[in-house]
């Protein structure tokens, strides 16, 4: 007898819009990016009208870039020390006031435009890393790729609309309207962010010059000491130089080599934006098919090949199509880069790490733009071709560097381990922990270095060190939680069963990461399975010991901060069905933990 068995459909990547916090953040970016594009183009038009000087327009662009060098890295420290949501709201409110003042002060002296643009850019140095750091706290790991793709698509689309609107306003209405609309967009963005519910990061110590310097060093050390972040930095630094060079060469190439008109050059820019937007939308569904490093390599190699073809083109229509293709294959590199940073940076370090990459991007981009002056002594086709070969080499390098060349087979292996979690053996009982074990952990988790001597002794008094072989299930979803675990060496994967019968990975855990704290502190059953992906050494802290140590402010901030982040990223439907008081306490932690911290 024939039977019909339907294969469960995978959840739509657009289902993330059911997450109200993400939807508010997405809408806030959509509105503010449109407004910022209005100001960017309107300011250029206004300064050219007032001065008639192209050099004055270039000076304004420099005024936009300068704060990156002097403020960017420091801003990341403050993003990690204070409520990121409040930083974003304050940044939007300040920029609204600054942009509103442009049409008021410009009639007095055009120099005010440069001052306001510089101040607005400086404030943006706080907003951007806060935004990049907040996103992974709002989206679960399996939603993160779709979240970044949708953010990229909305940013490009709204920027394009903003540019078009600025041109329309400049030609038919008083140009001051563009600035007033941008100020309003910042206020709308701030209002949307106000209703996002997320806990601030845990902070230890008072903010001082010494503390800021120490935090800054720790953030930079995180980039250097994390292999995949270090590899990403090595790859993107020269690539941003090439991007800056290519962007600056597009106009002289179009006019000199192609004999194109300025209108046709504008079509090139439009084609690139459309390509990026389409590529970003496709990445919503495709981004999890390959690992992030592979997307980087595909993207850079694809852009290099398109650029090589562009350097040899002589037909304007073909050149426009190639620029559009380059934009299309650019999308995976942006999304892959964001995912690498978000998935491999500790929550308390995200502001500093994002700022380090933003500063590197902008500085390298400016260097590339400066190198465009070589086109006055070298044929622009030759310069474009040689730089495209360098981009091709950088794409190939991405496949070879540690972490970036990670094959998709490793991700599938992690899924296989999680599916077998219920039947896999548990690690052995291990041995009693020592202070040497704690010192090893503190080296991987710097937040613990602030624990007092008595607190350290109490932490290891009943702790045990156990070794989990690859494939061993450390904790199982739904079982009683009697301990929390800190990883000293090795790697583990955490995940839960999906509604379609598959498996969802929540995170990959490495040295310095910890898990099991939700069940240990609340008495609720485990919220996920955790399986060793390679030989893993674990410091096991009994629940009663952990509860007793929560009076220590250092440990309390660390544990409650991570606990809140996980609950923010875990769907309520994924929480185990337990007794009503415990279930209620878990739900309250998701929304109210910010007040506890």
Protein backbone atom coordinates (compact mmCIF):
# COMPACT_ATOMS: atom_id res chain seq x y z
CA UNK A 1 0.00 0.00 0.00
CA UNK A 2 1.45 3.34 -0.98
CA UNK A 3 1.87 6.00 1.66
CA UNK A 4 2.52 9.69 1.33
CA UNK A 5 5.33 10.93 3.55
CA UNK A 6 5.99 14.61 3.34
CA UNK A 7 9.49 15.83 4.10
CA UNK A 8 9.30 18.50 6.78
CA UNK A 9 10.01 21.89 5.30
CA UNK A 10 12.95 23.81 6.70
CA UNK A 11 11.93 26.91 8.63
CA UNK A 12 11.94 30.02 6.45
CA UNK A 13 14.99 32.22 7.08
CA UNK A 14 12.57 35.15 7.06
CA UNK A 15 10.98 33.70 10.20
CA UNK A 16 13.50 35.76 12.17
CA UNK A 17 11.13 38.69 11.72
CA UNK A 18 8.97 36.99 14.34
CA UNK A 19 11.72 38.05 16.74
CA UNK A 20 10.51 41.51 17.72
CA UNK A 21 13.90 42.63 19.00
CA UNK A 22 15.53 41.82 15.65
CA UNK A 23 12.69 43.43 13.70
CA UNK A 24 13.11 46.65 15.69
CA UNK A 25 16.86 46.69 15.10
CA UNK A 26 16.38 45.96 11.39
CA UNK A 27 13.79 48.70 11.02
CA UNK A 28 15.99 51.16 12.93
CA UNK A 29 18.86 50.50 10.51
CA UNK A 30 16.56 50.76 7.50
CA UNK A 31 15.38 54.21 8.54
CA UNK A 32 18.71 55.62 9.73
CA UNK A 33 20.72 54.32 6.74
CA UNK A 34 18.25 56.03 4.41
CA UNK A 35 18.61 59.27 6.36
CA UNK A 36 22.41 59.04 6.47
CA UNK A 37 22.52 58.62 2.67
CA UNK A 38 20.37 61.74 2.38
CA UNK A 39 22.85 63.76 4.43
CA UNK A 40 25.93 62.28 2.76
CA UNK A 41 24.91 63.32 -0.74
CA UNK A 42 23.12 66.51 0.29
CA UNK A 43 26.19 67.71 2.22
CA UNK A 44 28.41 67.15 -0.83
CA UNK A 45 25.97 69.05 -3.04
CA UNK A 46 25.64 71.87 -0.52
CA UNK A 47 29.37 72.40 0.01
CA UNK A 48 29.96 72.38 -3.76
CA UNK A 49 27.20 74.96 -4.23
CA UNK A 50 28.73 77.20 -1.60
CA UNK A 51 32.40 76.87 -2.58
CA UNK A 52 32.41 75.64 -6.17
CA UNK A 53 35.46 73.61 -5.20
CA UNK A 54 35.95 69.88 -5.65
CA UNK A 55 38.74 70.09 -3.08
CA UNK A 56 36.19 71.28 -0.52
CA UNK A 57 34.10 68.17 -1.19
CA UNK A 58 37.20 66.00 -0.68
CA UNK A 59 37.94 67.85 2.58
CA UNK A 60 34.48 66.93 3.82
CA UNK A 61 35.16 63.25 3.09
CA UNK A 62 38.41 63.52 5.04
CA UNK A 63 36.51 65.11 7.94
CA UNK A 64 34.26 62.04 7.92
CA UNK A 65 37.20 59.62 8.04
CA UNK A 66 39.48 61.31 10.59
CA UNK A 67 37.46 60.35 13.73
CA UNK A 68 37.88 56.68 12.82
CA UNK A 69 41.60 56.87 13.49
CA UNK A 70 41.39 58.82 16.74
CA UNK A 71 38.13 57.58 18.26
CA UNK A 72 37.40 54.15 16.77
CA UNK A 73 39.42 51.85 19.03
CA UNK A 74 38.57 53.77 22.21
CA UNK A 75 34.88 53.68 21.32
CA UNK A 76 34.99 49.88 21.28
CA UNK A 77 36.14 49.85 24.91
CA UNK A 78 33.15 51.92 26.02
CA UNK A 79 30.79 49.74 23.97
CA UNK A 80 32.02 46.76 26.01
CA UNK A 81 31.75 48.58 29.34
CA UNK A 82 28.29 50.12 29.07
CA UNK A 83 24.77 49.27 27.93
CA UNK A 84 25.07 48.95 24.14
CA UNK A 85 21.40 49.72 23.61
CA UNK A 86 21.70 53.01 25.52
CA UNK A 87 24.87 53.90 23.61
CA UNK A 88 22.99 53.46 20.34
CA UNK A 89 20.06 55.56 21.54
CA UNK A 90 22.37 58.33 22.76
CA UNK A 91 24.33 58.25 19.48
CA UNK A 92 21.13 58.58 17.45
CA UNK A 93 19.86 61.48 19.58
CA UNK A 94 23.17 63.36 19.36
CA UNK A 95 23.43 62.85 15.60
CA UNK A 96 19.83 64.02 15.17
CA UNK A 97 20.71 67.29 16.91
CA UNK A 98 23.94 67.71 14.94
CA UNK A 99 22.34 67.11 11.54
CA UNK A 100 19.44 69.44 12.41
CA UNK A 101 21.99 72.20 13.06
CA UNK A 102 23.61 71.95 9.60
CA UNK A 103 21.14 74.21 7.73
CA UNK A 104 21.06 76.55 10.74
CA UNK A 105 24.84 77.08 11.02
CA UNK A 106 26.00 76.75 7.41
CA UNK A 107 24.81 80.28 6.44
CA UNK A 108 27.11 81.66 9.15
CA UNK A 109 30.23 79.85 7.91
CA UNK A 110 30.79 76.80 5.74
CA UNK A 111 33.40 75.60 8.24
CA UNK A 112 30.53 74.54 10.49
CA UNK A 113 29.69 71.78 8.00
CA UNK A 114 33.13 70.21 8.45
CA UNK A 115 32.86 70.47 12.25
CA UNK A 116 29.41 68.88 12.34
CA UNK A 117 30.34 66.11 9.89
CA UNK A 118 33.41 65.30 11.98
CA UNK A 119 31.44 65.25 15.24
CA UNK A 120 28.69 63.12 13.72
CA UNK A 121 31.27 60.66 12.40
CA UNK A 122 32.90 60.50 15.85
CA UNK A 123 29.55 59.65 17.45
CA UNK A 124 29.02 57.01 14.78
CA UNK A 125 32.20 55.28 15.95
CA UNK A 126 30.27 54.35 19.11
CA UNK A 127 27.06 53.38 17.32
CA UNK A 128 28.55 51.00 14.73
CA UNK A 129 30.37 48.56 17.06
CA UNK A 130 27.42 48.66 19.46
CA UNK A 131 25.10 47.68 16.60
CA UNK A 132 27.43 44.91 15.40
CA UNK A 133 27.83 43.61 18.97
CA UNK A 134 24.10 43.68 19.73
CA UNK A 135 22.94 41.64 16.74
CA UNK A 136 24.30 38.23 17.90
CA UNK A 137 22.54 38.76 21.24
CA UNK A 138 19.18 39.13 19.52
CA UNK A 139 19.40 36.29 17.00
CA UNK A 140 19.93 32.61 17.79
CA UNK A 141 23.01 31.04 16.18
CA UNK A 142 21.00 29.32 13.46
CA UNK A 143 19.33 32.66 12.64
CA UNK A 144 22.51 34.73 12.64
CA UNK A 145 23.42 34.22 8.98
CA UNK A 146 19.92 35.22 7.85
CA UNK A 147 19.99 38.18 10.25
CA UNK A 148 23.24 39.54 8.79
CA UNK A 149 22.04 38.97 5.23
CA UNK A 150 18.80 40.85 5.85
CA UNK A 151 20.70 43.67 7.56
CA UNK A 152 23.03 43.97 4.57
CA UNK A 153 20.16 43.95 2.07
CA UNK A 154 18.22 46.62 3.97
CA UNK A 155 21.33 48.79 4.38
CA UNK A 156 22.17 48.76 0.67
CA UNK A 157 18.54 49.19 -0.40
CA UNK A 158 17.84 52.07 1.97
CA UNK A 159 21.14 53.78 1.07
CA UNK A 160 20.23 53.63 -2.61
CA UNK A 161 16.79 55.12 -1.86
CA UNK A 162 18.44 57.80 0.29
CA UNK A 163 20.81 58.84 -2.52
CA UNK A 164 17.94 59.02 -4.98
CA UNK A 165 15.83 61.05 -2.54
CA UNK A 166 18.73 63.45 -1.95
CA UNK A 167 19.07 64.05 -5.66
CA UNK A 168 15.33 64.67 -5.97
CA UNK A 169 15.27 67.08 -3.03
CA UNK A 170 18.34 68.96 -4.31
CA UNK A 171 16.78 69.45 -7.73
CA UNK A 172 13.19 70.32 -6.77
CA UNK A 173 13.03 71.38 -3.12
CA UNK A 174 15.09 73.35 -0.60
CA UNK A 175 18.12 71.19 0.16
CA UNK A 176 17.65 71.86 3.90
CA UNK A 177 14.80 69.33 3.81
CA UNK A 178 17.35 66.51 3.42
CA UNK A 179 18.96 67.39 6.74
CA UNK A 180 15.66 67.73 8.56
CA UNK A 181 14.55 64.33 7.24
CA UNK A 182 17.84 62.75 8.35
CA UNK A 183 17.44 64.23 11.85
CA UNK A 184 13.93 62.75 11.99
CA UNK A 185 15.26 59.36 10.85
CA UNK A 186 17.72 59.29 13.75
CA UNK A 187 14.88 60.00 16.19
CA UNK A 188 12.78 57.18 14.71
CA UNK A 189 15.78 54.84 14.98
CA UNK A 190 16.32 55.78 18.63
CA UNK A 191 12.63 55.17 19.35
CA UNK A 192 12.76 51.68 17.84
CA UNK A 193 15.96 50.74 19.71
CA UNK A 194 14.40 51.98 22.97
CA UNK A 195 12.00 49.02 22.92
CA UNK A 196 14.69 46.36 22.36
CA UNK A 197 15.12 44.19 25.45
CA UNK A 198 18.65 42.97 26.06
CA UNK A 199 20.99 42.90 29.05
CA UNK A 200 24.12 45.09 29.18
CA UNK A 201 27.52 43.36 29.21
CA UNK A 202 29.09 42.56 32.59
CA UNK A 203 31.65 45.17 33.68
CA UNK A 204 34.35 44.95 36.35
CA UNK A 205 36.15 47.94 37.86
CA UNK A 206 35.66 51.68 37.46
CA UNK A 207 36.22 53.38 34.14
CA UNK A 208 39.56 55.20 34.12
CA UNK A 209 42.35 55.91 31.65
CA UNK A 210 44.27 52.91 32.97
CA UNK A 211 41.19 50.66 32.72
CA UNK A 212 40.42 51.84 29.18
CA UNK A 213 44.02 51.19 28.11
CA UNK A 214 43.98 47.72 29.70
CA UNK A 215 40.65 46.87 28.10
CA UNK A 216 41.90 48.08 24.74
CA UNK A 217 44.99 45.85 24.98
CA UNK A 218 42.78 42.89 25.93
CA UNK A 219 40.57 43.46 22.89
CA UNK A 220 43.50 43.64 20.50
CA UNK A 221 45.02 40.57 22.15
CA UNK A 222 41.75 38.73 21.52
CA UNK A 223 42.19 39.36 17.79
CA UNK A 224 45.83 38.25 17.86
CA UNK A 225 45.29 35.17 20.05
CA UNK A 226 42.19 33.83 18.25
CA UNK A 227 43.43 31.99 15.13
CA UNK A 228 40.37 32.61 12.94
CA UNK A 229 40.16 36.31 13.88
CA UNK A 230 43.89 36.70 13.26
CA UNK A 231 43.52 35.01 9.88
CA UNK A 232 40.57 37.27 9.01
CA UNK A 233 42.63 40.35 9.91
CA UNK A 234 45.54 39.19 7.72
CA UNK A 235 43.21 38.71 4.76
CA UNK A 236 41.01 41.81 5.01
CA UNK A 237 43.77 44.39 5.59
CA UNK A 238 45.18 44.22 2.03
CA UNK A 239 41.72 43.62 0.58
CA UNK A 240 40.42 46.89 2.02
CA UNK A 241 43.37 48.67 0.40
CA UNK A 242 42.38 47.12 -2.95
CA UNK A 243 38.72 48.07 -2.40
CA UNK A 244 39.70 51.68 -1.71
CA UNK A 245 41.88 51.75 -4.80
CA UNK A 246 39.19 50.24 -7.04
CA UNK A 247 36.51 52.62 -5.76
CA UNK A 248 38.73 55.60 -6.51
CA UNK A 249 39.68 54.23 -9.96
CA UNK A 250 36.15 53.54 -11.19
CA UNK A 251 35.48 57.12 -12.28
CA UNK A 252 38.78 57.75 -14.15
CA UNK A 253 38.54 54.25 -15.67
CA UNK A 254 35.01 54.90 -16.91
CA UNK A 255 35.92 58.29 -18.40
CA UNK A 256 39.40 57.55 -19.75
CA UNK A 257 39.42 53.85 -20.67
CA UNK A 258 35.76 53.32 -21.56
CA UNK A 259 34.93 56.78 -22.86
CA UNK A 260 31.74 56.66 -20.76
CA UNK A 261 29.67 59.66 -19.72
CA UNK A 262 29.12 60.70 -16.11
CA UNK A 263 25.56 59.36 -16.42
CA UNK A 264 26.90 55.95 -17.47
CA UNK A 265 29.29 56.06 -14.53
CA UNK A 266 26.26 56.62 -12.30
CA UNK A 267 24.65 53.54 -13.86
CA UNK A 268 27.77 51.57 -12.87
CA UNK A 269 27.36 52.63 -9.24
CA UNK A 270 23.66 51.77 -9.34
CA UNK A 271 24.42 48.34 -10.83
CA UNK A 272 26.86 47.63 -8.01
CA UNK A 273 24.28 48.52 -5.34
CA UNK A 274 21.62 46.38 -7.01
CA UNK A 275 24.10 43.48 -7.22
CA UNK A 276 24.96 43.71 -3.53
CA UNK A 277 21.28 43.88 -2.56
CA UNK A 278 20.39 40.80 -4.66
CA UNK A 279 23.42 38.90 -3.37
CA UNK A 280 22.51 39.71 0.24
CA UNK A 281 18.94 38.48 -0.25
CA UNK A 282 20.19 35.22 -1.77
CA UNK A 283 22.56 34.78 1.17
CA UNK A 284 19.53 34.74 3.48
CA UNK A 285 18.89 31.21 2.21
CA UNK A 286 22.37 30.12 1.13
CA UNK A 287 24.69 31.40 3.86
CA UNK A 288 24.62 28.23 5.97
CA UNK A 289 25.40 25.96 3.00
CA UNK A 290 29.13 26.70 3.39
CA UNK A 291 31.37 27.83 6.20
CA UNK A 292 32.18 31.52 6.59
CA UNK A 293 35.78 31.24 5.38
CA UNK A 294 34.68 29.50 2.21
CA UNK A 295 32.22 32.28 1.45
CA UNK A 296 35.06 34.79 1.90
CA UNK A 297 37.26 32.96 -0.59
CA UNK A 298 34.43 32.55 -3.13
CA UNK A 299 33.53 36.21 -2.80
CA UNK A 300 37.06 37.58 -3.14
CA UNK A 301 37.96 35.28 -6.02
CA UNK A 302 34.67 36.11 -7.77
CA UNK A 303 35.24 39.85 -7.37
CA UNK A 304 38.82 39.46 -8.60
CA UNK A 305 37.74 37.64 -11.76
CA UNK A 306 35.03 40.24 -12.42
CA UNK A 307 37.58 43.04 -11.88
CA UNK A 308 40.10 41.39 -14.24
CA UNK A 309 37.41 41.18 -16.93
CA UNK A 310 36.40 44.79 -16.20
CA UNK A 311 40.01 45.96 -16.63
CA UNK A 312 39.99 44.51 -20.16
CA UNK A 313 36.51 45.67 -21.15
CA UNK A 314 35.92 48.29 -23.81
CA UNK A 315 32.11 48.26 -24.09
CA UNK A 316 30.26 50.41 -21.55
CA UNK A 317 27.28 48.06 -21.24
CA UNK A 318 29.58 45.10 -20.53
CA UNK A 319 31.49 47.16 -17.95
CA UNK A 320 28.26 48.08 -16.16
CA UNK A 321 27.22 44.42 -16.08
CA UNK A 322 30.62 43.39 -14.65
CA UNK A 323 30.40 45.99 -11.89
CA UNK A 324 26.94 44.66 -11.04
CA UNK A 325 28.35 41.12 -10.96
CA UNK A 326 31.16 42.29 -8.67
CA UNK A 327 28.58 43.76 -6.28
CA UNK A 328 26.62 40.50 -6.38
CA UNK A 329 29.62 38.38 -5.33
CA UNK A 330 30.68 41.00 -2.77
CA UNK A 331 27.72 40.20 -0.49
CA UNK A 332 29.06 36.83 0.81
CA UNK A 333 32.33 38.43 1.95
CA UNK A 334 30.57 41.04 4.08
CA UNK A 335 28.19 38.53 5.64
CA UNK A 336 30.92 35.92 6.13
CA UNK A 337 33.17 38.47 7.81
CA UNK A 338 30.42 39.53 10.21
CA UNK A 339 29.60 35.92 11.11
CA UNK A 340 33.25 35.10 11.84
CA UNK A 341 33.53 38.04 14.24
CA UNK A 342 30.18 37.39 15.92
CA UNK A 343 30.65 33.64 16.36
CA UNK A 344 34.27 33.73 17.51
CA UNK A 345 34.39 36.76 19.80
CA UNK A 346 33.35 36.58 23.49
CA UNK A 347 30.35 38.76 24.27
CA UNK A 348 32.37 41.06 26.54
CA UNK A 349 34.95 41.66 23.76
CA UNK A 350 32.67 42.27 20.75
CA UNK A 351 32.77 46.06 20.89
CA UNK A 352 36.56 46.19 20.87
CA UNK A 353 36.99 43.51 18.22
CA UNK A 354 34.40 45.10 15.92
CA UNK A 355 36.03 48.51 16.40
CA UNK A 356 39.45 47.05 15.54
CA UNK A 357 38.08 45.76 12.25
CA UNK A 358 36.17 48.99 11.52
CA UNK A 359 39.30 51.09 12.09
CA UNK A 360 41.38 48.73 9.95
CA UNK A 361 38.76 48.89 7.20
CA UNK A 362 38.63 52.68 7.11
CA UNK A 363 42.39 53.25 7.39
CA UNK A 364 43.20 50.68 4.69
CA UNK A 365 40.44 52.09 2.53
CA UNK A 366 41.96 55.58 2.76
CA UNK A 367 45.39 54.19 1.87
CA UNK A 368 43.87 52.55 -1.20
CA UNK A 369 42.19 55.81 -2.25
CA UNK A 370 45.51 57.62 -1.87
CA UNK A 371 47.18 55.02 -4.11
CA UNK A 372 44.72 55.94 -6.85
CA UNK A 373 47.05 58.85 -7.58
CA UNK A 374 49.27 56.29 -9.34
CA UNK A 375 46.77 56.41 -12.20
CA UNK A 376 48.39 59.73 -13.19
CA UNK A 377 51.67 57.94 -14.00
CA UNK A 378 50.50 54.37 -14.72
CA UNK A 379 47.88 53.41 -17.29
CA UNK A 380 44.58 53.00 -15.43
CA UNK A 381 43.90 49.65 -17.13
CA UNK A 382 47.25 48.27 -16.00
CA UNK A 383 46.73 49.55 -12.44
CA UNK A 384 43.25 48.02 -12.26
CA UNK A 385 44.47 44.71 -13.68
CA UNK A 386 47.46 44.37 -11.31
CA UNK A 387 45.37 45.23 -8.23
CA UNK A 388 42.76 42.67 -9.35
CA UNK A 389 45.47 39.99 -9.44
CA UNK A 390 46.36 40.96 -5.85
CA UNK A 391 42.70 40.52 -4.89
CA UNK A 392 42.73 37.07 -6.50
CA UNK A 393 45.79 36.12 -4.42
CA UNK A 394 44.09 37.32 -1.24
CA UNK A 395 41.06 35.17 -2.03
CA UNK A 396 43.28 32.12 -2.47
CA UNK A 397 45.02 32.96 0.83
CA UNK A 398 41.67 32.82 2.63
CA UNK A 399 41.43 29.11 1.79
CA UNK A 400 44.81 28.38 3.39
CA UNK A 401 44.81 30.38 6.64
CA UNK A 402 43.81 28.67 9.93
CA UNK A 403 40.09 28.74 10.62
CA UNK A 404 39.03 30.38 7.37
CA UNK A 405 39.56 27.25 5.29
CA UNK A 406 37.39 25.17 7.61
CA UNK A 407 35.38 22.81 5.39
CA UNK A 408 31.62 22.51 5.58
CA UNK A 409 32.19 18.85 6.50
CA UNK A 410 33.19 19.99 10.00
CA UNK A 411 29.83 21.69 10.45
CA UNK A 412 28.01 18.58 9.24
CA UNK A 413 30.12 16.50 11.63
CA UNK A 414 29.01 18.72 14.51
CA UNK A 415 25.39 18.15 13.51
CA UNK A 416 26.01 14.40 13.44
CA UNK A 417 27.51 14.49 16.93
CA UNK A 418 24.52 16.39 18.28
CA UNK A 419 22.02 14.00 16.71
CA UNK A 420 23.69 11.12 18.54
CA UNK A 421 23.96 13.00 21.82
CA UNK A 422 21.27 11.05 23.69
CA UNK A 423 22.98 7.71 23.05
CA UNK A 424 26.62 8.83 23.35
CA UNK A 425 28.67 8.01 26.50
CA UNK A 426 29.38 10.59 29.18
CA UNK A 427 32.93 11.66 30.19
CA UNK A 428 34.56 9.98 33.18
CA UNK A 429 34.49 11.21 36.79
CA UNK A 430 37.95 12.79 36.48
CA UNK A 431 40.07 14.07 39.38
CA UNK A 432 39.92 16.83 41.98
CA UNK A 433 40.70 20.28 40.58
CA UNK A 434 43.77 22.30 41.62
CA UNK A 435 44.78 25.95 41.64
CA UNK A 436 46.89 25.21 38.56
CA UNK A 437 43.68 24.25 36.74
CA UNK A 438 42.12 27.56 37.81
CA UNK A 439 45.18 29.49 36.58
CA UNK A 440 44.86 27.77 33.20
CA UNK A 441 41.20 28.74 33.05
CA UNK A 442 41.91 32.36 34.11
CA UNK A 443 44.42 32.63 31.26
CA UNK A 444 41.61 31.73 28.85
CA UNK A 445 38.91 33.72 30.68
CA UNK A 446 40.52 36.99 31.88
CA UNK A 447 37.38 38.04 33.79
CA UNK A 448 38.24 35.43 36.44
CA UNK A 449 41.58 37.08 37.20
CA UNK A 450 39.73 39.52 39.44
CA UNK A 451 38.57 36.78 41.83
CA UNK A 452 39.99 37.01 45.35
CA UNK A 453 42.15 34.26 46.79
CA UNK A 454 39.37 32.88 49.04
CA UNK A 455 36.94 32.91 46.11
CA UNK A 456 39.41 30.92 43.99
CA UNK A 457 39.83 28.37 46.77
CA UNK A 458 36.06 28.08 47.16
CA UNK A 459 35.62 27.65 43.40
CA UNK A 460 37.93 24.65 43.18
CA UNK A 461 37.12 23.17 46.60
CA UNK A 462 34.55 20.75 45.18
CA UNK A 463 35.39 21.15 41.48
CA UNK A 464 36.63 18.28 39.36
CA UNK A 465 38.66 18.14 36.17
CA UNK A 466 37.33 15.65 33.63
CA UNK A 467 38.43 14.64 30.13
CA UNK A 468 35.76 14.21 27.45
CA UNK A 469 36.82 12.21 24.37
CA UNK A 470 35.45 13.22 20.94
CA UNK A 471 31.77 12.30 20.68
CA UNK A 472 31.17 12.16 24.45
CA UNK A 473 27.97 13.87 25.60
CA UNK A 474 28.81 16.27 28.41
CA UNK A 475 25.21 17.31 29.15
CA UNK A 476 21.88 16.19 27.71
CA UNK A 477 18.81 18.26 26.93
CA UNK A 478 16.10 17.82 29.57
CA UNK A 479 18.23 16.14 32.26
CA UNK A 480 18.61 17.60 35.75
CA UNK A 481 21.39 20.15 36.01
CA UNK A 482 23.73 19.54 38.93
CA UNK A 483 26.86 21.36 37.69
CA UNK A 484 28.26 24.02 35.37
CA UNK A 485 31.27 23.39 33.11
CA UNK A 486 34.25 25.53 32.08
CA UNK A 487 36.35 24.45 29.08
CA UNK A 488 40.12 24.47 29.66
CA UNK A 489 41.20 22.90 26.38
CA UNK A 490 39.46 21.40 23.35
CA UNK A 491 36.16 22.18 21.70
CA UNK A 492 32.49 21.26 22.12
CA UNK A 493 29.27 21.96 20.23
CA UNK A 494 25.91 22.83 21.76
CA UNK A 495 22.53 22.39 20.12
CA UNK A 496 18.93 21.26 20.36
CA UNK A 497 16.54 19.27 18.19
CA UNK A 498 14.71 21.25 15.50
CA UNK A 499 11.00 21.02 14.79
CA UNK A 500 11.64 19.43 11.38
CA UNK A 501 13.44 16.43 12.89
CA UNK A 502 16.89 17.87 12.23
CA UNK A 503 19.26 19.59 14.60
CA UNK A 504 20.09 23.21 15.32
CA UNK A 505 23.54 24.21 16.55
CA UNK A 506 23.41 26.99 19.10
CA UNK A 507 27.16 27.55 19.39
CA UNK A 508 30.66 26.18 19.20
CA UNK A 509 32.45 26.32 22.55
CA UNK A 510 36.20 26.62 23.05
CA UNK A 511 38.75 27.28 25.83
CA UNK A 512 37.40 29.86 28.28
CA UNK A 513 33.76 29.20 27.40
CA UNK A 514 31.36 27.79 29.97
CA UNK A 515 27.90 26.23 29.90
CA UNK A 516 25.31 24.54 32.11
CA UNK A 517 24.95 27.61 34.34
CA UNK A 518 21.20 28.03 33.64
CA UNK A 519 20.27 24.62 35.01
CA UNK A 520 22.84 24.81 37.81
CA UNK A 521 21.49 28.10 39.16
CA UNK A 522 17.75 27.66 38.55
CA UNK A 523 17.27 23.94 39.09
CA UNK A 524 15.61 23.69 35.67
CA UNK A 525 16.43 20.84 33.26
CA UNK A 526 19.19 21.33 30.70
CA UNK A 527 18.22 23.55 27.75
CA UNK A 528 20.55 21.93 25.16
CA UNK A 529 22.88 19.02 24.40
CA UNK A 530 26.63 19.64 24.57
CA UNK A 531 28.98 17.16 22.88
CA UNK A 532 32.78 17.13 22.75
CA UNK A 533 33.98 17.76 19.19
CA UNK A 534 37.61 16.93 20.08
CA UNK A 535 39.44 15.87 23.26
CA UNK A 536 38.17 18.39 25.79
CA UNK A 537 39.30 19.17 29.35
CA UNK A 538 36.49 20.46 31.59
CA UNK A 539 36.38 22.09 35.01
CA UNK A 540 33.13 20.88 36.57
CA UNK A 541 31.63 23.15 39.28
CA UNK A 542 28.81 21.60 41.39
CA UNK A 543 25.58 23.58 41.44
CA UNK A 544 25.69 24.19 45.20
CA UNK A 545 29.22 25.61 44.96
CA UNK A 546 28.25 27.87 42.07
CA UNK A 547 25.21 29.21 43.93
CA UNK A 548 27.32 29.93 46.99
CA UNK A 549 29.85 31.88 44.93
CA UNK A 550 27.29 34.10 43.21
CA UNK A 551 27.76 36.67 45.99
CA UNK A 552 31.19 37.44 44.50
CA UNK A 553 30.64 40.42 42.14
CA UNK A 554 33.23 39.27 39.57
CA UNK A 555 31.79 35.79 39.17
CA UNK A 556 28.21 37.05 39.42
CA UNK A 557 28.65 39.51 36.54
CA UNK A 558 30.37 36.89 34.42
CA UNK A 559 27.84 34.11 34.99
CA UNK A 560 24.67 36.22 34.91
CA UNK A 561 25.84 38.10 31.81
CA UNK A 562 26.39 34.90 29.84
CA UNK A 563 23.24 33.34 31.24
CA UNK A 564 21.16 36.30 30.11
CA UNK A 565 22.69 36.31 26.65
CA UNK A 566 21.82 32.64 26.17
CA UNK A 567 18.28 33.14 27.34
CA UNK A 568 17.90 36.14 25.01
CA UNK A 569 18.98 33.94 22.10
CA UNK A 570 16.94 30.87 23.07
CA UNK A 571 13.37 30.61 21.83
CA UNK A 572 10.80 30.15 24.58
CA UNK A 573 9.61 27.01 22.79
CA UNK A 574 13.11 25.55 23.22
CA UNK A 575 12.97 25.84 27.01
CA UNK A 576 12.16 22.52 28.70
CA UNK A 577 8.69 21.93 30.07
CA UNK A 578 9.26 21.92 33.79
CA UNK A 579 7.38 22.92 36.91
CA UNK A 580 5.69 26.28 36.56
CA UNK A 581 7.82 28.27 39.08
CA UNK A 582 11.10 27.20 37.40
CA UNK A 583 9.78 27.89 33.93
CA UNK A 584 8.56 31.28 35.07
CA UNK A 585 11.96 32.17 36.54
CA UNK A 586 13.63 31.37 33.22
CA UNK A 587 11.26 33.61 31.32
CA UNK A 588 11.77 36.44 33.81
CA UNK A 589 15.54 36.17 33.43
CA UNK A 590 15.23 36.74 29.69
CA UNK A 591 13.53 40.10 30.13
CA UNK A 592 14.64 41.35 33.54
CA UNK A 593 18.25 40.28 33.96
CA UNK A 594 19.45 43.70 32.84
CA UNK A 595 18.19 45.12 36.11
CA UNK A 596 20.02 42.44 38.10
CA UNK A 597 23.29 43.31 36.37
